[in-house]
Each structure stands twice: as structure tokens, then as C-alpha cells.
Amino acid sequence: MSKTDSHLKQAFAGESQANRKYLAFAQQADKEGYAQVAKLFRAAAEAETVHAHSHLRALGAVGSTADNLKEAVGGETYEFETMYPPMIEDAVAEGNKAAERSFRYALDAEQVHAELYAKALKNLEVKEEVSYLICTVCGYIAENGAPAKCPICGAAAKAFRAVN
């Protein structure tokens, strides 16, 4: 890998993390009643997304939809099979219940995400309309309506929001 490709990967990771961090900061500012600051954080988050997408395209890392679905299945599978299990073990060993819960929710949700991507890849040419709702507690994705309770975290249906 060239130095430039390495730099692009590093820049993509940094911009992606900044986007997520700024969106979390915006939520906190909204909770505290700082609407203008929240708006600024959301604007900066969007700008970081522009940067991240540019870096990803420069890497040649955006392929056909079929290729992107295969990449997504691989990434999600890596997370639930390889990445999260030792993180959970360490959190348990250290008695960090919040981290353990966060990691377990993510592990379980990533498995569902991989299944949904695989299903989309299998049905790529099928033009069926599917709605997706996300549990705002754990990240579980439901198809065509929220369950009464989230199968991962147990959150009520009202914790789900539609994704366009």
C-alpha cells in the first residue's frame, strides 16, 4: 500500500469519527437547550462526511452495489465474530458494565446487519419496497415495522425510528 493510500485510510477514519462525535455533541447541546450550538455541530458533522466520502472515493473503495454489499457483509461479520468478543471479555474482566452492554448490543446488532445485507445482495434485482426502523437504544434494524419489544435490548416500539 502506498503512503498516500495509508494517509487516505487514516483521514477517512478520522473524518468518520469526527462526524459521529459531532452528532453526539449536537444531541447533548440540544438537551442542554443550546440549539444554535447543536446546529453548528450538525453542520460540521455534515462537512466531515463530505471529507470522508471524498477520501473513500480517492481510495477507490466504493464499488458496485453488489460489491459494496459483499464488503458490508464482510465488515459486519468481522465485527460480530472477531472484534467484539474479546472486547466483551475485557469489559467483563474489568467490571465495566456500560462497556459490556454497549459491546453486546453492537455484536448482536451487527449480526442482524450482516444478515440484512446478505438478504439485499441475494434479492438485489427484486424491486420490493422494504421499510427499515432502527432501535435508538442498541442499533437493531427491523424490517417493515417496529416489534413490540426490541429483540436485542428489550426497548419498546416507541424507541424505533424510521430510516429513509
Protein backbone atom coordinates (compact mmCIF):
# COMPACT_ATOMS: atom_id res chain seq x y z
CA MET A 1 0.00 0.00 0.00
CA SER A 2 1.31 3.43 -0.90
CA LYS A 3 1.86 6.18 1.67
CA THR A 4 -0.94 8.15 0.07
CA ASP A 5 -3.38 5.23 0.37
CA SER A 6 -2.37 4.83 4.01
CA HIS A 7 -2.97 8.54 4.56
CA LEU A 8 -6.36 8.32 2.84
CA LYS A 9 -7.39 5.43 5.12
CA GLN A 10 -6.23 7.36 8.18
CA ALA A 11 -8.02 10.52 7.03
CA PHE A 12 -11.21 8.55 6.27
CA ALA A 13 -11.17 7.07 9.78
CA GLY A 14 -10.57 10.44 11.41
CA GLU A 15 -13.26 12.25 9.44
CA SER A 16 -15.74 9.42 10.08
CA GLN A 17 -15.09 9.53 13.81
CA ALA A 18 -15.40 13.31 13.86
CA ASN A 19 -18.80 13.04 12.14
CA ARG A 20 -20.15 10.65 14.76
CA LYS A 21 -18.63 12.61 17.64
CA TYR A 22 -20.08 15.90 16.44
CA LEU A 23 -23.54 14.36 16.08
CA ALA A 24 -23.32 13.12 19.69
CA PHE A 25 -22.21 16.61 20.73
CA ALA A 26 -25.21 18.08 18.87
CA GLN A 27 -27.60 15.81 20.78
CA GLN A 28 -26.07 16.95 24.06
CA ALA A 29 -26.27 20.62 23.07
CA ASP A 30 -29.95 20.13 22.16
CA LYS A 31 -30.60 18.51 25.56
CA GLU A 32 -28.98 21.47 27.28
CA GLY A 33 -31.01 23.98 25.25
CA TYR A 34 -28.20 25.23 23.00
CA ALA A 35 -29.99 24.94 19.66
CA GLN A 36 -27.53 27.15 17.77
CA VAL A 37 -24.51 25.18 19.00
CA ALA A 38 -26.31 21.94 18.12
CA LYS A 39 -26.89 23.28 14.60
CA LEU A 40 -23.18 24.15 14.29
CA PHE A 41 -22.17 20.64 15.41
CA ARG A 42 -24.57 19.09 12.85
CA ALA A 43 -23.17 21.35 10.09
CA ALA A 44 -19.61 20.36 10.98
CA ALA A 45 -20.64 16.69 11.07
CA GLU A 46 -22.02 17.01 7.54
CA ALA A 47 -18.79 18.66 6.40
CA GLU A 48 -16.77 15.79 7.90
CA THR A 49 -18.98 13.38 5.92
CA VAL A 50 -18.11 15.24 2.72
CA HIS A 51 -14.41 14.81 3.56
CA ALA A 52 -14.79 11.13 4.48
CA HIS A 53 -16.66 10.30 1.28
CA SER A 54 -14.07 12.13 -0.79
CA HIS A 55 -11.24 10.15 0.84
CA LEU A 56 -13.10 6.86 0.33
CA ARG A 57 -13.66 7.60 -3.36
CA ALA A 58 -10.00 8.59 -3.77
CA LEU A 59 -9.08 5.17 -2.34
CA GLY A 60 -11.25 3.52 -4.97
CA ALA A 61 -13.17 1.88 -2.12
CA VAL A 62 -16.67 2.46 -3.47
CA GLY A 63 -17.62 -0.25 -5.93
CA SER A 64 -20.80 -1.52 -7.49
CA THR A 65 -23.78 -2.02 -5.20
CA ALA A 66 -23.20 -5.79 -5.25
CA ASP A 67 -19.53 -5.30 -4.36
CA ASN A 68 -20.46 -2.82 -1.63
CA LEU A 69 -22.98 -5.27 -0.15
CA LYS A 70 -20.32 -8.01 -0.10
CA GLU A 71 -17.91 -5.61 1.60
CA ALA A 72 -20.59 -4.70 4.15
CA VAL A 73 -21.35 -8.36 4.94
CA GLY A 74 -17.63 -8.96 5.48
CA GLY A 75 -17.22 -5.93 7.71
CA GLU A 76 -20.25 -6.71 9.87
CA THR A 77 -19.24 -10.38 10.14
CA TYR A 78 -15.73 -9.41 11.23
CA GLU A 79 -17.22 -7.20 13.94
CA PHE A 80 -19.52 -9.82 15.49
CA GLU A 81 -17.19 -12.81 15.03
CA THR A 82 -13.76 -11.31 15.70
CA MET A 83 -13.78 -7.75 17.00
CA TYR A 84 -16.44 -7.64 19.71
CA PRO A 85 -15.96 -10.98 21.55
CA PRO A 86 -12.56 -10.08 23.08
CA MET A 87 -13.82 -6.58 23.84
CA ILE A 88 -16.70 -8.09 25.78
CA GLU A 89 -14.30 -10.40 27.65
CA ASP A 90 -12.12 -7.44 28.65
CA ALA A 91 -15.09 -5.36 29.76
CA VAL A 92 -16.36 -8.26 31.90
CA ALA A 93 -12.91 -8.82 33.40
CA GLU A 94 -12.63 -5.13 34.22
CA GLY A 95 -16.17 -4.92 35.59
CA ASN A 96 -17.14 -2.20 33.12
CA LYS A 97 -20.87 -2.95 32.78
CA ALA A 98 -21.61 0.03 30.49
CA ALA A 99 -18.92 -1.03 28.00
CA GLU A 100 -20.01 -4.66 28.21
CA ARG A 101 -23.62 -3.73 27.44
CA SER A 102 -22.54 -1.42 24.59
CA PHE A 103 -20.34 -4.12 23.06
CA ARG A 104 -23.00 -6.85 23.44
CA TYR A 105 -25.68 -4.68 21.84
CA ALA A 106 -23.34 -3.88 18.96
CA LEU A 107 -22.30 -7.53 18.49
CA ASP A 108 -25.91 -8.70 18.30
CA ALA A 109 -26.98 -5.83 16.04
CA GLU A 110 -24.02 -6.33 13.68
CA GLN A 111 -25.10 -9.93 13.13
CA VAL A 112 -28.55 -8.71 12.07
CA HIS A 113 -26.97 -6.07 9.83
CA ALA A 114 -24.87 -8.74 8.08
CA GLU A 115 -28.00 -10.85 7.53
CA LEU A 116 -29.88 -7.87 6.08
CA TYR A 117 -27.00 -7.06 3.71
CA ALA A 118 -26.80 -10.70 2.60
CA LYS A 119 -30.55 -10.71 2.00
CA ALA A 120 -30.31 -7.48 -0.02
CA LEU A 121 -27.48 -8.95 -2.11
CA LYS A 122 -29.49 -12.12 -2.78
CA ASN A 123 -32.52 -10.04 -3.77
CA LEU A 124 -30.66 -7.22 -5.50
CA GLU A 125 -32.79 -7.35 -8.64
CA VAL A 126 -36.08 -7.59 -6.71
CA LYS A 127 -37.69 -4.15 -6.60
CA GLU A 128 -39.70 -4.81 -3.41
CA GLU A 129 -40.22 -1.81 -1.14
CA VAL A 130 -38.96 -2.50 2.39
CA SER A 131 -39.10 -0.06 5.27
CA TYR A 132 -36.39 -0.06 7.91
CA LEU A 133 -36.68 1.07 11.51
CA ILE A 134 -33.74 1.36 13.85
CA CYS A 135 -33.76 0.86 17.60
CA THR A 136 -32.26 4.03 19.01
CA VAL A 137 -31.03 2.12 22.07
CA CYS A 138 -28.99 -0.72 20.53
CA GLY A 139 -28.92 -0.25 16.74
CA TYR A 140 -31.06 -3.27 15.83
CA ILE A 141 -32.71 -2.83 12.42
CA ALA A 142 -36.27 -4.06 11.92
CA GLU A 143 -37.93 -4.52 8.56
CA ASN A 144 -41.45 -3.28 7.78
CA GLY A 145 -42.48 -2.19 11.27
CA ALA A 146 -41.13 -1.99 14.77
CA PRO A 147 -41.52 -5.01 17.02
CA ALA A 148 -43.40 -4.54 20.29
CA LYS A 149 -40.04 -5.02 22.02
CA CYS A 150 -36.56 -4.91 20.55
CA PRO A 151 -35.21 -8.47 20.34
CA ILE A 152 -31.75 -7.29 21.40
CA CYS A 153 -32.25 -4.73 24.17
CA GLY A 154 -35.94 -5.02 25.01
CA ALA A 155 -36.74 -1.38 24.20
CA ALA A 156 -40.38 -0.60 23.46
CA ALA A 157 -41.59 0.02 19.90
CA LYS A 158 -41.55 3.78 20.55
CA ALA A 159 -37.71 3.61 20.69
CA PHE A 160 -37.64 2.80 16.96
CA ARG A 161 -37.38 5.44 14.27
CA ALA A 162 -37.85 5.12 10.55
CA VAL A 163 -34.84 5.44 8.25
CA ASN A 164 -35.22 6.83 4.74
